């Protein structure tokens, strides 16, 4: 089952709103705990960059989730945003007729 929102939600927004803010934790503090550059987590929560497999593995370990949770979130976001951008182009593509 795919979750659909009124607008695509970047995994950085989710990380910020559902984890960092409730914990009162800064991006820099999280980066230190994950042994990552502070700028990587800052850029993720600012929604400038996405979640990489490396980040997903570290976030999963720290927050007791799964790396798939974070990677699926990123993939869903990218597919949704690209799908919206390419909607006109995609509509022009004729699907293959399997009966032909």
PDB file of N, CA and C in Angstrom:
ATOM      1  N   UNK A   1       0.838  -1.171   0.000  1.00  0.00           N
ATOM      2  CA  UNK A   1       0.000   0.000   0.000  1.00  0.00           C
ATOM      3  C   UNK A   1       0.891   1.244   0.000  1.00  0.00           C
ATOM      4  N   UNK A   2       0.577   2.204  -0.835  1.00  0.00           N
ATOM      5  CA  UNK A   2       1.327   3.435  -0.933  1.00  0.00           C
ATOM      6  C   UNK A   2       0.572   4.550  -0.235  1.00  0.00           C
ATOM      7  N   UNK A   3       1.270   5.288   0.614  1.00  0.00           N
ATOM      8  CA  UNK A   3       0.663   6.443   1.264  1.00  0.00           C
ATOM      9  C   UNK A   3       0.679   7.608   0.300  1.00  0.00           C
ATOM     10  N   UNK A   4      -0.425   8.329   0.207  1.00  0.00           N
ATOM     11  CA  UNK A   4      -0.504   9.508  -0.649  1.00  0.00           C
ATOM     12  C   UNK A   4      -0.928  10.684   0.212  1.00  0.00           C
ATOM     13  N   UNK A   5      -0.222  11.773   0.085  1.00  0.00           N
ATOM     14  CA  UNK A   5      -0.519  12.973   0.828  1.00  0.00           C
ATOM     15  C   UNK A   5      -0.973  14.055  -0.147  1.00  0.00           C
ATOM     16  N   UNK A   6      -1.575  15.119   0.381  1.00  0.00           N
ATOM     17  CA  UNK A   6      -2.004  16.233  -0.464  1.00  0.00           C
ATOM     18  C   UNK A   6      -0.808  16.819  -1.203  1.00  0.00           C
ATOM     19  N   UNK A   7       0.342  16.743  -0.579  1.00  0.00           N
ATOM     20  CA  UNK A   7       1.589  17.173  -1.206  1.00  0.00           C
ATOM     21  C   UNK A   7       2.664  16.168  -0.820  1.00  0.00           C
ATOM     22  N   UNK A   8       3.658  16.012  -1.667  1.00  0.00           N
ATOM     23  CA  UNK A   8       4.743  15.090  -1.315  1.00  0.00           C
ATOM     24  C   UNK A   8       5.466  15.581  -0.048  1.00  0.00           C
ATOM     25  N   UNK A   9       5.781  14.671   0.843  1.00  0.00           N
ATOM     26  CA  UNK A   9       6.488  15.025   2.062  1.00  0.00           C
ATOM     27  C   UNK A   9       7.923  14.537   1.961  1.00  0.00           C
ATOM     28  N   UNK A  10       8.830  15.480   2.033  1.00  0.00           N
ATOM     29  CA  UNK A  10      10.261  15.157   1.972  1.00  0.00           C
ATOM     30  C   UNK A  10      10.639  14.433   3.257  1.00  0.00           C
ATOM     31  N   UNK A  11      11.489  13.410   3.168  1.00  0.00           N
ATOM     32  CA  UNK A  11      11.892  12.710   4.379  1.00  0.00           C
ATOM     33  C   UNK A  11      12.590  13.620   5.394  1.00  0.00           C
ATOM     34  N   UNK A  12      13.209  14.690   4.927  1.00  0.00           N
ATOM     35  CA  UNK A  12      13.829  15.652   5.836  1.00  0.00           C
ATOM     36  C   UNK A  12      12.800  16.383   6.683  1.00  0.00           C
ATOM     37  N   UNK A  13      11.654  16.696   6.087  1.00  0.00           N
ATOM     38  CA  UNK A  13      10.570  17.323   6.846  1.00  0.00           C
ATOM     39  C   UNK A  13      10.077  16.363   7.923  1.00  0.00           C
ATOM     40  N   UNK A  14       9.914  15.110   7.553  1.00  0.00           N
ATOM     41  CA  UNK A  14       9.466  14.099   8.505  1.00  0.00           C
ATOM     42  C   UNK A  14      10.476  13.933   9.634  1.00  0.00           C
ATOM     43  N   UNK A  15      11.746  13.844   9.289  1.00  0.00           N
ATOM     44  CA  UNK A  15      12.804  13.717  10.287  1.00  0.00           C
ATOM     45  C   UNK A  15      12.764  14.901  11.256  1.00  0.00           C
ATOM     46  N   UNK A  16      12.637  16.082  10.711  1.00  0.00           N
ATOM     47  CA  UNK A  16      12.603  17.297  11.523  1.00  0.00           C
ATOM     48  C   UNK A  16      11.373  17.349  12.424  1.00  0.00           C
ATOM     49  N   UNK A  17      10.195  17.149  11.841  1.00  0.00           N
ATOM     50  CA  UNK A  17       8.938  17.346  12.563  1.00  0.00           C
ATOM     51  C   UNK A  17       8.585  16.198  13.505  1.00  0.00           C
ATOM     52  N   UNK A  18       8.923  14.986  13.130  1.00  0.00           N
ATOM     53  CA  UNK A  18       8.512  13.825  13.926  1.00  0.00           C
ATOM     54  C   UNK A  18       9.586  13.292  14.860  1.00  0.00           C
ATOM     55  N   UNK A  19      10.821  13.670  14.621  1.00  0.00           N
ATOM     56  CA  UNK A  19      11.907  13.172  15.463  1.00  0.00           C
ATOM     57  C   UNK A  19      12.663  14.306  16.159  1.00  0.00           C
ATOM     58  N   UNK A  20      13.254  15.207  15.392  1.00  0.00           N
ATOM     59  CA  UNK A  20      14.124  16.212  15.997  1.00  0.00           C
ATOM     60  C   UNK A  20      13.374  17.183  16.906  1.00  0.00           C
ATOM     61  N   UNK A  21      12.293  17.760  16.420  1.00  0.00           N
ATOM     62  CA  UNK A  21      11.557  18.727  17.248  1.00  0.00           C
ATOM     63  C   UNK A  21      11.017  18.105  18.532  1.00  0.00           C
ATOM     64  N   UNK A  22      10.326  16.957  18.470  1.00  0.00           N
ATOM     65  CA  UNK A  22       9.843  16.361  19.722  1.00  0.00           C
ATOM     66  C   UNK A  22      10.960  15.999  20.698  1.00  0.00           C
ATOM     67  N   UNK A  23      12.122  15.641  20.176  1.00  0.00           N
ATOM     68  CA  UNK A  23      13.250  15.287  21.040  1.00  0.00           C
ATOM     69  C   UNK A  23      14.047  16.509  21.498  1.00  0.00           C
ATOM     70  N   UNK A  24      13.732  17.673  20.918  1.00  0.00           N
ATOM     71  CA  UNK A  24      14.508  18.868  21.233  1.00  0.00           C
ATOM     72  C   UNK A  24      15.949  18.738  20.790  1.00  0.00           C
ATOM     73  N   UNK A  25      16.148  18.028  19.695  1.00  0.00           N
ATOM     74  CA  UNK A  25      17.502  17.736  19.205  1.00  0.00           C
ATOM     75  C   UNK A  25      17.780  18.557  17.951  1.00  0.00           C
ATOM     76  N   UNK A  26      18.968  19.101  17.858  1.00  0.00           N
ATOM     77  CA  UNK A  26      19.364  19.835  16.662  1.00  0.00           C
ATOM     78  C   UNK A  26      19.903  18.870  15.610  1.00  0.00           C
ATOM     79  N   UNK A  27      19.955  19.370  14.382  1.00  0.00           N
ATOM     80  CA  UNK A  27      20.532  18.570  13.299  1.00  0.00           C
ATOM     81  C   UNK A  27      21.996  18.267  13.607  1.00  0.00           C
ATOM     82  N   UNK A  28      22.691  19.232  14.167  1.00  0.00           N
ATOM     83  CA  UNK A  28      24.094  19.030  14.513  1.00  0.00           C
ATOM     84  C   UNK A  28      24.289  17.951  15.564  1.00  0.00           C
ATOM     85  N   UNK A  29      23.407  17.944  16.571  1.00  0.00           N
ATOM     86  CA  UNK A  29      23.494  16.925  17.625  1.00  0.00           C
ATOM     87  C   UNK A  29      23.226  15.539  17.046  1.00  0.00           C
ATOM     88  N   UNK A  30      22.239  15.444  16.144  1.00  0.00           N
ATOM     89  CA  UNK A  30      21.956  14.156  15.513  1.00  0.00           C
ATOM     90  C   UNK A  30      23.142  13.712  14.667  1.00  0.00           C
ATOM     91  N   UNK A  31      23.695  14.632  13.907  1.00  0.00           N
ATOM     92  CA  UNK A  31      24.851  14.297  13.061  1.00  0.00           C
ATOM     93  C   UNK A  31      25.991  13.735  13.902  1.00  0.00           C
ATOM     94  N   UNK A  32      26.215  14.337  15.053  1.00  0.00           N
ATOM     95  CA  UNK A  32      27.292  13.870  15.938  1.00  0.00           C
ATOM     96  C   UNK A  32      27.014  12.441  16.398  1.00  0.00           C
ATOM     97  N   UNK A  33      25.763  12.149  16.757  1.00  0.00           N
ATOM     98  CA  UNK A  33      25.392  10.807  17.218  1.00  0.00           C
ATOM     99  C   UNK A  33      25.498   9.776  16.100  1.00  0.00           C
ATOM    100  N   UNK A  34      25.288  10.232  14.855  1.00  0.00           N
ATOM    101  CA  UNK A  34      25.352   9.334  13.698  1.00  0.00           C
ATOM    102  C   UNK A  34      26.753   9.261  13.094  1.00  0.00           C
ATOM    103  N   UNK A  35      27.674  10.052  13.632  1.00  0.00           N
ATOM    104  CA  UNK A  35      29.031  10.131  13.103  1.00  0.00           C
ATOM    105  C   UNK A  35      29.019  10.567  11.634  1.00  0.00           C
ATOM    106  N   UNK A  36      28.247  11.625  11.377  1.00  0.00           N
ATOM    107  CA  UNK A  36      28.124  12.199  10.041  1.00  0.00           C
ATOM    108  C   UNK A  36      28.501  13.670  10.084  1.00  0.00           C
ATOM    109  N   UNK A  37      28.846  14.240   8.930  1.00  0.00           N
ATOM    110  CA  UNK A  37      29.064  15.682   8.891  1.00  0.00           C
ATOM    111  C   UNK A  37      27.768  16.415   9.261  1.00  0.00           C
ATOM    112  N   UNK A  38      27.904  17.446  10.062  1.00  0.00           N
ATOM    113  CA  UNK A  38      26.744  18.238  10.492  1.00  0.00           C
ATOM    114  C   UNK A  38      25.954  18.750   9.284  1.00  0.00           C
ATOM    115  N   UNK A  39      26.678  19.154   8.238  1.00  0.00           N
ATOM    116  CA  UNK A  39      26.011  19.721   7.067  1.00  0.00           C
ATOM    117  C   UNK A  39      25.105  18.719   6.361  1.00  0.00           C
ATOM    118  N   UNK A  40      25.428  17.423   6.432  1.00  0.00           N
ATOM    119  CA  UNK A  40      24.566  16.442   5.758  1.00  0.00           C
ATOM    120  C   UNK A  40      23.185  16.410   6.397  1.00  0.00           C
ATOM    121  N   UNK A  41      23.133  16.320   7.716  1.00  0.00           N
ATOM    122  CA  UNK A  41      21.831  16.277   8.386  1.00  0.00           C
ATOM    123  C   UNK A  41      21.126  17.626   8.252  1.00  0.00           C
ATOM    124  N   UNK A  42      21.868  18.713   8.356  1.00  0.00           N
ATOM    125  CA  UNK A  42      21.257  20.034   8.180  1.00  0.00           C
ATOM    126  C   UNK A  42      20.613  20.161   6.804  1.00  0.00           C
ATOM    127  N   UNK A  43      21.302  19.693   5.775  1.00  0.00           N
ATOM    128  CA  UNK A  43      20.763  19.788   4.413  1.00  0.00           C
ATOM    129  C   UNK A  43      19.571  18.853   4.207  1.00  0.00           C
ATOM    130  N   UNK A  44      19.567  17.699   4.877  1.00  0.00           N
ATOM    131  CA  UNK A  44      18.412  16.803   4.794  1.00  0.00           C
ATOM    132  C   UNK A  44      17.196  17.469   5.424  1.00  0.00           C
ATOM    133  N   UNK A  45      17.344  17.996   6.641  1.00  0.00           N
ATOM    134  CA  UNK A  45      16.177  18.590   7.316  1.00  0.00           C
ATOM    135  C   UNK A  45      15.734  19.898   6.677  1.00  0.00           C
ATOM    136  N   UNK A  46      16.630  20.558   5.916  1.00  0.00           N
ATOM    137  CA  UNK A  46      16.242  21.749   5.144  1.00  0.00           C
ATOM    138  C   UNK A  46      15.635  21.350   3.799  1.00  0.00           C
ATOM    139  N   UNK A  47      15.574  20.038   3.547  1.00  0.00           N
ATOM    140  CA  UNK A  47      14.998  19.477   2.326  1.00  0.00           C
ATOM    141  C   UNK A  47      15.784  19.859   1.078  1.00  0.00           C
ATOM    142  N   UNK A  48      17.087  20.036   1.255  1.00  0.00           N
ATOM    143  CA  UNK A  48      17.971  20.353   0.134  1.00  0.00           C
ATOM    144  C   UNK A  48      18.517  19.100  -0.531  1.00  0.00           C
ATOM    145  N   UNK A  49      18.680  18.044   0.248  1.00  0.00           N
ATOM    146  CA  UNK A  49      19.169  16.777  -0.293  1.00  0.00           C
ATOM    147  C   UNK A  49      18.306  15.650   0.263  1.00  0.00           C
ATOM    148  N   UNK A  50      18.420  14.492  -0.355  1.00  0.00           N
ATOM    149  CA  UNK A  50      17.642  13.342   0.079  1.00  0.00           C
ATOM    150  C   UNK A  50      18.428  12.430   1.008  1.00  0.00           C
ATOM    151  N   UNK A  51      17.767  11.368   1.377  1.00  0.00           N
ATOM    152  CA  UNK A  51      18.346  10.338   2.242  1.00  0.00           C
ATOM    153  C   UNK A  51      19.122   9.350   1.371  1.00  0.00           C
ATOM    154  N   UNK A  52      20.374   9.125   1.707  1.00  0.00           N
ATOM    155  CA  UNK A  52      21.190   8.137   1.004  1.00  0.00           C
ATOM    156  C   UNK A  52      21.113   6.808   1.760  1.00  0.00           C
ATOM    157  N   UNK A  53      21.529   5.716   1.146  1.00  0.00           N
ATOM    158  CA  UNK A  53      21.573   4.450   1.883  1.00  0.00           C
ATOM    159  C   UNK A  53      22.420   4.546   3.157  1.00  0.00           C
ATOM    160  N   UNK A  54      23.530   5.260   3.090  1.00  0.00           N
ATOM    161  CA  UNK A  54      24.379   5.439   4.263  1.00  0.00           C
ATOM    162  C   UNK A  54      23.600   6.130   5.388  1.00  0.00           C
ATOM    163  N   UNK A  55      22.929   7.212   5.048  1.00  0.00           N
ATOM    164  CA  UNK A  55      22.134   7.939   6.051  1.00  0.00           C
ATOM    165  C   UNK A  55      20.987   7.075   6.558  1.00  0.00           C
ATOM    166  N   UNK A  56      20.341   6.341   5.654  1.00  0.00           N
ATOM    167  CA  UNK A  56      19.213   5.483   6.037  1.00  0.00           C
ATOM    168  C   UNK A  56      19.644   4.429   7.055  1.00  0.00           C
ATOM    169  N   UNK A  57      20.792   3.832   6.831  1.00  0.00           N
ATOM    170  CA  UNK A  57      21.290   2.825   7.764  1.00  0.00           C
ATOM    171  C   UNK A  57      21.560   3.421   9.140  1.00  0.00           C
ATOM    172  N   UNK A  58      22.131   4.601   9.171  1.00  0.00           N
ATOM    173  CA  UNK A  58      22.453   5.259  10.435  1.00  0.00           C
ATOM    174  C   UNK A  58      21.196   5.731  11.159  1.00  0.00           C
ATOM    175  N   UNK A  59      20.271   6.331  10.409  1.00  0.00           N
ATOM    176  CA  UNK A  59      19.010   6.781  11.020  1.00  0.00           C
ATOM    177  C   UNK A  59      18.230   5.595  11.578  1.00  0.00           C
ATOM    178  N   UNK A  60      18.206   4.508  10.827  1.00  0.00           N
ATOM    179  CA  UNK A  60      17.487   3.310  11.267  1.00  0.00           C
ATOM    180  C   UNK A  60      18.064   2.775  12.568  1.00  0.00           C
ATOM    181  N   UNK A  61      19.356   2.723  12.646  1.00  0.00           N
ATOM    182  CA  UNK A  61      19.998   2.222  13.865  1.00  0.00           C
ATOM    183  C   UNK A  61      19.684   3.123  15.060  1.00  0.00           C
ATOM    184  N   UNK A  62      19.820   4.417  14.868  1.00  0.00           N
ATOM    185  CA  UNK A  62      19.625   5.362  15.964  1.00  0.00           C
ATOM    186  C   UNK A  62      18.166   5.421  16.425  1.00  0.00           C
ATOM    187  N   UNK A  63      17.231   5.478  15.476  1.00  0.00           N
ATOM    188  CA  UNK A  63      15.813   5.643  15.818  1.00  0.00           C
ATOM    189  C   UNK A  63      15.058   4.317  15.930  1.00  0.00           C
ATOM    190  N   UNK A  64      15.780   3.214  15.830  1.00  0.00           N
ATOM    191  CA  UNK A  64      15.172   1.878  15.938  1.00  0.00           C
ATOM    192  C   UNK A  64      14.057   1.674  14.912  1.00  0.00           C
ATOM    193  N   UNK A  65      14.346   2.088  13.687  1.00  0.00           N
ATOM    194  CA  UNK A  65      13.437   1.835  12.566  1.00  0.00           C
ATOM    195  C   UNK A  65      14.161   0.861  11.643  1.00  0.00           C
ATOM    196  N   UNK A  66      13.863   0.914  10.371  1.00  0.00           N
ATOM    197  CA  UNK A  66      14.582   0.100   9.390  1.00  0.00           C
ATOM    198  C   UNK A  66      15.167   1.016   8.323  1.00  0.00           C
ATOM    199  N   UNK A  67      16.248   0.600   7.685  1.00  0.00           N
ATOM    200  CA  UNK A  67      16.764   1.407   6.580  1.00  0.00           C
ATOM    201  C   UNK A  67      15.741   1.496   5.446  1.00  0.00           C
ATOM    202  N   UNK A  68      14.952   0.436   5.286  1.00  0.00           N
ATOM    203  CA  UNK A  68      13.929   0.438   4.234  1.00  0.00           C
ATOM    204  C   UNK A  68      12.886   1.527   4.467  1.00  0.00           C
ATOM    205  N   UNK A  69      12.569   1.786   5.725  1.00  0.00           N
ATOM    206  CA  UNK A  69      11.625   2.864   6.043  1.00  0.00           C
ATOM    207  C   UNK A  69      12.104   4.176   5.436  1.00  0.00           C
ATOM    208  N   UNK A  70      13.360   4.504   5.682  1.00  0.00           N
ATOM    209  CA  UNK A  70      13.910   5.777   5.202  1.00  0.00           C
ATOM    210  C   UNK A  70      14.093   5.777   3.688  1.00  0.00           C
ATOM    211  N   UNK A  71      14.558   4.660   3.123  1.00  0.00           N
ATOM    212  CA  UNK A  71      14.757   4.603   1.673  1.00  0.00           C
ATOM    213  C   UNK A  71      13.426   4.612   0.931  1.00  0.00           C
ATOM    214  N   UNK A  72      12.430   3.897   1.451  1.00  0.00           N
ATOM    215  CA  UNK A  72      11.099   3.914   0.827  1.00  0.00           C
ATOM    216  C   UNK A  72      10.488   5.306   0.885  1.00  0.00           C
ATOM    217  N   UNK A  73      10.698   6.007   1.990  1.00  0.00           N
ATOM    218  CA  UNK A  73      10.209   7.372   2.132  1.00  0.00           C
ATOM    219  C   UNK A  73      10.833   8.251   1.052  1.00  0.00           C
ATOM    220  N   UNK A  74      12.150   8.132   0.879  1.00  0.00           N
ATOM    221  CA  UNK A  74      12.857   8.922  -0.126  1.00  0.00           C
ATOM    222  C   UNK A  74      12.380   8.574  -1.530  1.00  0.00           C
ATOM    223  N   UNK A  75      12.270   7.284  -1.800  1.00  0.00           N
ATOM    224  CA  UNK A  75      11.840   6.854  -3.135  1.00  0.00           C
ATOM    225  C   UNK A  75      10.425   7.323  -3.443  1.00  0.00           C
ATOM    226  N   UNK A  76       9.532   7.205  -2.490  1.00  0.00           N
ATOM    227  CA  UNK A  76       8.150   7.660  -2.687  1.00  0.00           C
ATOM    228  C   UNK A  76       8.108   9.153  -2.968  1.00  0.00           C
ATOM    229  N   UNK A  77       8.895   9.917  -2.227  1.00  0.00           N
ATOM    230  CA  UNK A  77       8.955  11.360  -2.437  1.00  0.00           C
ATOM    231  C   UNK A  77       9.438  11.681  -3.855  1.00  0.00           C
ATOM    232  N   UNK A  78      10.510  11.031  -4.264  1.00  0.00           N
ATOM    233  CA  UNK A  78      11.062  11.296  -5.590  1.00  0.00           C
ATOM    234  C   UNK A  78      10.093  10.908  -6.706  1.00  0.00           C
ATOM    235  N   UNK A  79       9.457   9.745  -6.585  1.00  0.00           N
ATOM    236  CA  UNK A  79       8.498   9.324  -7.609  1.00  0.00           C
ATOM    237  C   UNK A  79       7.313  10.280  -7.691  1.00  0.00           C
ATOM    238  N   UNK A  80       6.833  10.713  -6.548  1.00  0.00           N
ATOM    239  CA  UNK A  80       5.691  11.632  -6.523  1.00  0.00           C
ATOM    240  C   UNK A  80       6.056  12.983  -7.127  1.00  0.00           C
ATOM    241  N   UNK A  81       7.191  13.537  -6.727  1.00  0.00           N
ATOM    242  CA  UNK A  81       7.562  14.860  -7.244  1.00  0.00           C
ATOM    243  C   UNK A  81       7.902  14.794  -8.735  1.00  0.00           C
ATOM    244  N   UNK A  82       8.623  13.765  -9.153  1.00  0.00           N
ATOM    245  CA  UNK A  82       8.940  13.629 -10.576  1.00  0.00           C
ATOM    246  C   UNK A  82       7.681  13.348 -11.393  1.00  0.00           C
ATOM    247  N   UNK A  83       6.798  12.515 -10.842  1.00  0.00           N
ATOM    248  CA  UNK A  83       5.551  12.214 -11.538  1.00  0.00           C
ATOM    249  C   UNK A  83       4.728  13.460 -11.793  1.00  0.00           C
ATOM    250  N   UNK A  84       4.702  14.346 -10.824  1.00  0.00           N
ATOM    251  CA  UNK A  84       3.965  15.612 -10.998  1.00  0.00           C
ATOM    252  C   UNK A  84       4.641  16.494 -12.036  1.00  0.00           C
ATOM    253  N   UNK A  85       5.983  16.528 -12.012  1.00  0.00           N
ATOM    254  CA  UNK A  85       6.718  17.350 -12.986  1.00  0.00           C
ATOM    255  C   UNK A  85       6.563  16.815 -14.411  1.00  0.00           C
ATOM    256  N   UNK A  86       6.516  15.499 -14.539  1.00  0.00           N
ATOM    257  CA  UNK A  86       6.482  14.873 -15.862  1.00  0.00           C
ATOM    258  C   UNK A  86       5.081  14.498 -16.331  1.00  0.00           C
ATOM    259  N   UNK A  87       4.054  14.902 -15.607  1.00  0.00           N
ATOM    260  CA  UNK A  87       2.691  14.467 -15.912  1.00  0.00           C
ATOM    261  C   UNK A  87       2.318  14.686 -17.380  1.00  0.00           C
ATOM    262  N   UNK A  88       2.619  15.848 -17.913  1.00  0.00           N
ATOM    263  CA  UNK A  88       2.289  16.131 -19.311  1.00  0.00           C
ATOM    264  C   UNK A  88       3.033  15.230 -20.274  1.00  0.00           C
ATOM    265  N   UNK A  89       4.313  15.030 -20.034  1.00  0.00           N
ATOM    266  CA  UNK A  89       5.122  14.157 -20.879  1.00  0.00           C
ATOM    267  C   UNK A  89       4.659  12.710 -20.773  1.00  0.00           C
ATOM    268  N   UNK A  90       4.380  12.269 -19.565  1.00  0.00           N
ATOM    269  CA  UNK A  90       3.943  10.882 -19.367  1.00  0.00           C
ATOM    270  C   UNK A  90       2.607  10.623 -20.044  1.00  0.00           C
ATOM    271  N   UNK A  91       1.736  11.622 -20.057  1.00  0.00           N
ATOM    272  CA  UNK A  91       0.424  11.468 -20.693  1.00  0.00           C
ATOM    273  C   UNK A  91       0.547  11.242 -22.202  1.00  0.00           C
ATOM    274  N   UNK A  92       1.630  11.707 -22.802  1.00  0.00           N
ATOM    275  CA  UNK A  92       1.843  11.552 -24.244  1.00  0.00           C
ATOM    276  C   UNK A  92       2.336  10.150 -24.614  1.00  0.00           C
ATOM    277  N   UNK A  93       2.785   9.391 -23.636  1.00  0.00           N
ATOM    278  CA  UNK A  93       3.318   8.046 -23.910  1.00  0.00           C
ATOM    279  C   UNK A  93       2.163   7.057 -24.021  1.00  0.00           C
ATOM    280  N   UNK A  94       2.123   6.364 -25.163  1.00  0.00           N
ATOM    281  CA  UNK A  94       1.102   5.352 -25.383  1.00  0.00           C
ATOM    282  C   UNK A  94       1.571   4.020 -24.811  1.00  0.00           C
ATOM    283  N   UNK A  95       0.832   3.450 -23.882  1.00  0.00           N
ATOM    284  CA  UNK A  95       1.227   2.140 -23.337  1.00  0.00           C
ATOM    285  C   UNK A  95       1.176   1.063 -24.439  1.00  0.00           C
ATOM    286  N   UNK A  96       2.012   0.074 -24.291  1.00  0.00           N
ATOM    287  CA  UNK A  96       2.067  -1.031 -25.247  1.00  0.00           C
ATOM    288  C   UNK A  96       0.742  -1.800 -25.205  1.00  0.00           C
ATOM    289  N   UNK A  97       0.293  -2.199 -26.358  1.00  0.00           N
ATOM    290  CA  UNK A  97      -0.936  -3.011 -26.439  1.00  0.00           C
ATOM    291  C   UNK A  97      -0.511  -4.455 -26.480  1.00  0.00           C
ATOM    292  N   UNK A  98      -0.705  -5.169 -25.360  1.00  0.00           N
ATOM    293  CA  UNK A  98      -0.264  -6.560 -25.262  1.00  0.00           C
ATOM    294  C   UNK A  98      -0.999  -7.478 -26.209  1.00  0.00           C
ATOM    295  N   UNK A  99      -2.172  -7.087 -26.647  1.00  0.00           N
ATOM    296  CA  UNK A  99      -2.957  -7.940 -27.550  1.00  0.00           C
ATOM    297  C   UNK A  99      -2.449  -7.853 -28.993  1.00  0.00           C
ATOM    298  N   UNK A 100      -1.677  -6.855 -29.305  1.00  0.00           N
ATOM    299  CA  UNK A 100      -1.230  -6.660 -30.696  1.00  0.00           C
ATOM    300  C   UNK A 100      -0.089  -7.570 -31.066  1.00  0.00           C
TER     301      UNK A 100
END
